[in-house]
Protein backbone atom coordinates (compact mmCIF):
# COMPACT_ATOMS: atom_id res chain seq x y z
CA MET A 1 -29.23 -10.28 80.96
CA ARG A 2 -29.05 -12.54 77.91
CA HIS A 3 -27.74 -15.46 79.98
CA LEU A 4 -30.64 -15.09 82.41
CA ALA A 5 -33.14 -15.05 79.53
CA VAL A 6 -31.62 -18.02 77.70
CA SER A 7 -31.38 -20.15 80.83
CA SER A 8 -34.68 -19.20 82.47
CA PHE A 9 -37.30 -18.14 79.93
CA LYS A 10 -38.74 -21.47 78.75
CA PRO A 11 -40.20 -22.29 76.30
CA PRO A 12 -37.76 -20.23 74.25
CA ASP A 13 -40.17 -19.41 71.41
CA TRP A 14 -42.21 -17.10 73.65
CA GLY A 15 -39.47 -16.59 76.22
CA TYR A 16 -35.99 -15.78 74.99
CA SER A 17 -36.85 -15.47 71.28
CA HIS A 18 -39.74 -13.16 72.15
CA ALA A 19 -37.41 -10.94 74.16
CA VAL A 20 -34.93 -10.77 71.26
CA ARG A 21 -37.73 -9.79 68.85
CA ASP A 22 -39.04 -7.17 71.29
CA HIS A 23 -35.57 -5.67 71.62
CA ALA A 24 -35.12 -5.48 67.85
CA CYS A 25 -38.55 -3.88 67.42
CA ALA A 26 -37.89 -1.38 70.22
CA LEU A 27 -34.58 -0.33 68.66
CA ALA A 28 -36.20 0.10 65.26
CA ALA A 29 -39.11 2.08 66.70
CA ALA A 30 -36.86 4.28 68.83
CA ASP A 31 -34.84 5.30 65.76
CA HIS A 32 -33.16 8.47 67.01
CA ALA A 33 -34.73 8.70 70.46
CA ALA A 34 -32.43 9.48 73.33
CA ILE A 35 -32.91 6.14 75.09
CA HIS A 36 -29.85 4.12 76.00
CA ASP A 37 -29.67 0.67 74.39
CA ASN A 38 -29.13 -0.99 77.77
CA VAL A 39 -32.45 0.42 79.00
CA MET A 40 -34.20 -0.92 75.88
CA LEU A 41 -32.51 -4.31 76.35
CA ALA A 42 -33.56 -4.57 80.00
CA ALA A 43 -37.15 -3.57 79.22
CA ALA A 44 -37.41 -6.02 76.32
CA TYR A 45 -35.87 -8.92 78.23
CA LEU A 46 -37.62 -8.40 81.57
CA HIS A 47 -41.15 -7.25 80.70
CA ASP A 48 -42.55 -10.82 80.80
CA ILE A 49 -40.37 -12.21 83.61
CA HIS A 50 -43.46 -12.69 85.82
CA GLY A 51 -44.50 -15.59 83.59
CA PHE A 52 -41.46 -17.77 84.27
CA ALA A 53 -40.36 -19.73 87.34
CA PRO A 54 -39.22 -18.78 89.91
CA TRP A 55 -40.80 -15.34 89.37
CA VAL A 56 -44.30 -16.51 88.47
CA LYS A 57 -46.94 -15.47 90.95
CA PRO A 58 -50.13 -17.55 90.61
CA LYS A 59 -52.23 -14.93 92.38
CA ALA A 60 -51.22 -12.31 89.81
CA ILE A 61 -52.20 -14.62 86.96
CA ILE A 62 -55.64 -15.17 88.49
CA ARG A 63 -56.14 -11.43 88.85
CA MET A 64 -55.10 -10.78 85.25
CA SER A 65 -57.50 -13.40 83.90
CA THR A 66 -60.50 -12.01 85.77
CA PRO A 67 -62.79 -9.93 83.53
CA MET A 68 -62.53 -6.21 84.07
CA ARG A 69 -65.60 -4.48 85.52
């Protein structure tokens, strides 16, 4: 998971580094919750994968930028 993030999520300041910060925040917020660390890691590292090649989907970006009615 980390290798995928380091090698694919560019630029790293809002790619890999963002995922690391999200993971740390999720662990701190979860405190004593019964959520496995691997689940938290996967969620933190993959929640923005749609923004990086080759997973980016231009149609999805257009839809997200359209004002809600």
